[in-house]
Amino acid sequence: MPDLADLPSGTSVFVDTNIFDLHFRSKSLSCVNFINRIALGEVEAYVNIQVLCDLLHKLMLAEAYSKSYISVRSASKLKQCFQARPALAANLVNYQIQFEQTLQLVEKPLNG
């Protein structure tokens, strides 16, 4: 499987949710470096609405998990947490910042 670093400069590529997720959670140096290449304009990134929706969801779960609101990255666990302690939801703000950063990085989202 080719490494993301092998993509030549000037390449236009569709980027999957997991690349962004691994980048923001710093779980893959390859993904971090790849997103940095996009930020520098070396690679042109495209996404679709489904990727953006999935990413927003994953970022929120990751932040809730990192703040120990939930013990596993699970939407049902987060729902239970917020039902029990609704005020905690206001403390989740990093995911929004990360999502806005993503929107600034990618070209106009593709439909479909």
C-alpha atoms as a PDB file:
ATOM      1  CA  MET A   1       0.000   0.000   0.000  1.00  0.00           C
ATOM      2  CA  PRO A   2       1.531   3.351  -0.983  1.00  0.00           C
ATOM      3  CA  ASP A   3       2.301   5.905   1.700  1.00  0.00           C
ATOM      4  CA  LEU A   4       0.601   9.295   1.669  1.00  0.00           C
ATOM      5  CA  ALA A   5       4.057  10.867   1.483  1.00  0.00           C
ATOM      6  CA  ASP A   6       4.471   9.293  -1.968  1.00  0.00           C
ATOM      7  CA  LEU A   7       1.743  11.473  -3.500  1.00  0.00           C
ATOM      8  CA  PRO A   8       3.448  13.962  -5.798  1.00  0.00           C
ATOM      9  CA  SER A   9       3.023  17.671  -5.170  1.00  0.00           C
ATOM     10  CA  GLY A  10       0.166  19.135  -7.197  1.00  0.00           C
ATOM     11  CA  THR A  11      -1.968  16.009  -6.815  1.00  0.00           C
ATOM     12  CA  SER A  12      -5.709  16.422  -6.304  1.00  0.00           C
ATOM     13  CA  VAL A  13      -7.102  13.744  -4.033  1.00  0.00           C
ATOM     14  CA  PHE A  14     -10.316  12.758  -2.302  1.00  0.00           C
ATOM     15  CA  VAL A  15      -9.633  12.470   1.430  1.00  0.00           C
ATOM     16  CA  ASP A  16     -11.481  10.012   3.637  1.00  0.00           C
ATOM     17  CA  THR A  17     -12.783  10.780   7.127  1.00  0.00           C
ATOM     18  CA  ASN A  18     -10.242   8.516   8.782  1.00  0.00           C
ATOM     19  CA  ILE A  19      -7.286  10.530   7.472  1.00  0.00           C
ATOM     20  CA  PHE A  20      -8.597  13.656   9.195  1.00  0.00           C
ATOM     21  CA  ASP A  21      -9.600  11.731  12.319  1.00  0.00           C
ATOM     22  CA  LEU A  22      -6.152  10.153  12.700  1.00  0.00           C
ATOM     23  CA  HIS A  23      -4.551  13.540  12.078  1.00  0.00           C
ATOM     24  CA  PHE A  24      -6.533  15.362  14.764  1.00  0.00           C
ATOM     25  CA  ARG A  25      -6.017  12.563  17.288  1.00  0.00           C
ATOM     26  CA  SER A  26      -2.293  12.406  16.390  1.00  0.00           C
ATOM     27  CA  LYS A  27      -2.581   8.653  15.889  1.00  0.00           C
ATOM     28  CA  SER A  28      -0.687   8.555  12.582  1.00  0.00           C
ATOM     29  CA  LEU A  29       2.401  10.572  11.732  1.00  0.00           C
ATOM     30  CA  SER A  30       1.721   9.835   8.067  1.00  0.00           C
ATOM     31  CA  CYS A  31      -1.746  11.421   8.329  1.00  0.00           C
ATOM     32  CA  VAL A  32      -0.419  14.414  10.285  1.00  0.00           C
ATOM     33  CA  ASN A  33       2.247  15.007   7.645  1.00  0.00           C
ATOM     34  CA  PHE A  34      -0.282  14.560   4.837  1.00  0.00           C
ATOM     35  CA  ILE A  35      -2.702  17.111   6.300  1.00  0.00           C
ATOM     36  CA  ASN A  36       0.228  19.497   6.738  1.00  0.00           C
ATOM     37  CA  ARG A  37       1.001  19.068   3.017  1.00  0.00           C
ATOM     38  CA  ILE A  38      -2.600  20.006   2.243  1.00  0.00           C
ATOM     39  CA  ALA A  39      -2.295  23.085   4.491  1.00  0.00           C
ATOM     40  CA  LEU A  40       0.868  24.101   2.648  1.00  0.00           C
ATOM     41  CA  GLY A  41      -0.908  23.759  -0.707  1.00  0.00           C
ATOM     42  CA  GLU A  42       1.286  20.893  -1.914  1.00  0.00           C
ATOM     43  CA  VAL A  43      -1.741  18.620  -2.308  1.00  0.00           C
ATOM     44  CA  GLU A  44      -5.290  19.651  -3.179  1.00  0.00           C
ATOM     45  CA  ALA A  45      -7.875  17.874  -1.003  1.00  0.00           C
ATOM     46  CA  TYR A  46     -11.499  17.182  -1.806  1.00  0.00           C
ATOM     47  CA  VAL A  47     -14.224  15.729   0.408  1.00  0.00           C
ATOM     48  CA  ASN A  48     -17.934  15.135   0.138  1.00  0.00           C
ATOM     49  CA  ILE A  49     -20.730  15.928   2.561  1.00  0.00           C
ATOM     50  CA  GLN A  50     -20.697  12.385   3.977  1.00  0.00           C
ATOM     51  CA  VAL A  51     -17.012  12.723   4.926  1.00  0.00           C
ATOM     52  CA  LEU A  52     -17.716  16.047   6.630  1.00  0.00           C
ATOM     53  CA  CYS A  53     -20.684  14.655   8.577  1.00  0.00           C
ATOM     54  CA  ASP A  54     -18.722  11.582   9.660  1.00  0.00           C
ATOM     55  CA  LEU A  55     -15.760  13.722  10.652  1.00  0.00           C
ATOM     56  CA  LEU A  56     -17.836  16.094  12.777  1.00  0.00           C
ATOM     57  CA  HIS A  57     -19.308  13.086  14.579  1.00  0.00           C
ATOM     58  CA  LYS A  58     -15.887  11.461  15.140  1.00  0.00           C
ATOM     59  CA  LEU A  59     -14.326  14.695  16.357  1.00  0.00           C
ATOM     60  CA  MET A  60     -17.095  15.213  18.904  1.00  0.00           C
ATOM     61  CA  LEU A  61     -16.780  11.654  20.176  1.00  0.00           C
ATOM     62  CA  ALA A  62     -12.998  11.950  20.372  1.00  0.00           C
ATOM     63  CA  GLU A  63     -13.211  15.139  22.415  1.00  0.00           C
ATOM     64  CA  ALA A  64     -15.804  13.681  24.772  1.00  0.00           C
ATOM     65  CA  TYR A  65     -13.605  10.611  25.194  1.00  0.00           C
ATOM     66  CA  SER A  66     -10.465  12.699  25.812  1.00  0.00           C
ATOM     67  CA  LYS A  67     -12.329  14.642  28.516  1.00  0.00           C
ATOM     68  CA  SER A  68     -13.431  11.322  30.091  1.00  0.00           C
ATOM     69  CA  TYR A  69     -17.126  12.034  29.548  1.00  0.00           C
ATOM     70  CA  ILE A  70     -17.396   8.615  27.934  1.00  0.00           C
ATOM     71  CA  SER A  71     -15.277   5.468  28.330  1.00  0.00           C
ATOM     72  CA  VAL A  72     -15.590   4.405  24.688  1.00  0.00           C
ATOM     73  CA  ARG A  73     -16.087   6.435  21.529  1.00  0.00           C
ATOM     74  CA  SER A  74     -19.768   5.612  21.183  1.00  0.00           C
ATOM     75  CA  ALA A  75     -22.656   7.866  20.186  1.00  0.00           C
ATOM     76  CA  SER A  76     -25.049   6.027  22.501  1.00  0.00           C
ATOM     77  CA  LYS A  77     -22.667   6.541  25.448  1.00  0.00           C
ATOM     78  CA  LEU A  78     -22.376  10.245  24.639  1.00  0.00           C
ATOM     79  CA  LYS A  79     -26.162  10.534  24.445  1.00  0.00           C
ATOM     80  CA  GLN A  80     -26.472   8.884  27.869  1.00  0.00           C
ATOM     81  CA  CYS A  81     -23.816  11.219  29.263  1.00  0.00           C
ATOM     82  CA  PHE A  82     -25.574  14.336  28.005  1.00  0.00           C
ATOM     83  CA  GLN A  83     -28.971  13.122  29.182  1.00  0.00           C
ATOM     84  CA  ALA A  84     -27.543  12.674  32.661  1.00  0.00           C
ATOM     85  CA  ARG A  85     -25.478  15.895  32.639  1.00  0.00           C
ATOM     86  CA  PRO A  86     -26.651  18.260  29.853  1.00  0.00           C
ATOM     87  CA  ALA A  87     -24.312  21.075  30.906  1.00  0.00           C
ATOM     88  CA  LEU A  88     -21.288  19.024  29.806  1.00  0.00           C
ATOM     89  CA  ALA A  89     -22.232  19.536  26.157  1.00  0.00           C
ATOM     90  CA  ALA A  90     -21.217  23.202  26.363  1.00  0.00           C
ATOM     91  CA  ASN A  91     -17.671  22.128  27.283  1.00  0.00           C
ATOM     92  CA  LEU A  92     -17.140  20.442  23.922  1.00  0.00           C
ATOM     93  CA  VAL A  93     -15.631  23.162  21.747  1.00  0.00           C
ATOM     94  CA  ASN A  94     -12.402  21.743  20.313  1.00  0.00           C
ATOM     95  CA  TYR A  95     -14.242  19.554  17.817  1.00  0.00           C
ATOM     96  CA  GLN A  96     -15.858  22.647  16.313  1.00  0.00           C
ATOM     97  CA  ILE A  97     -12.491  24.372  15.908  1.00  0.00           C
ATOM     98  CA  GLN A  98     -10.994  21.266  14.295  1.00  0.00           C
ATOM     99  CA  PHE A  99     -13.966  20.985  11.949  1.00  0.00           C
ATOM    100  CA  GLU A 100     -13.642  24.622  10.895  1.00  0.00           C
ATOM    101  CA  GLN A 101      -9.924  24.052  10.268  1.00  0.00           C
ATOM    102  CA  THR A 102     -10.838  21.139   8.016  1.00  0.00           C
ATOM    103  CA  LEU A 103     -13.299  23.261   6.050  1.00  0.00           C
ATOM    104  CA  GLN A 104     -10.541  25.799   5.431  1.00  0.00           C
ATOM    105  CA  LEU A 105      -8.189  23.076   4.153  1.00  0.00           C
ATOM    106  CA  VAL A 106     -10.381  21.360   1.602  1.00  0.00           C
ATOM    107  CA  GLU A 107     -11.650  22.521  -1.729  1.00  0.00           C
ATOM    108  CA  LYS A 108     -15.359  22.999  -2.213  1.00  0.00           C
ATOM    109  CA  PRO A 109     -17.021  19.782  -1.025  1.00  0.00           C
ATOM    110  CA  LEU A 110     -18.170  17.412  -3.746  1.00  0.00           C
ATOM    111  CA  ASN A 111     -21.837  16.423  -3.841  1.00  0.00           C
ATOM    112  CA  GLY A 112     -22.761  12.832  -3.141  1.00  0.00           C
END
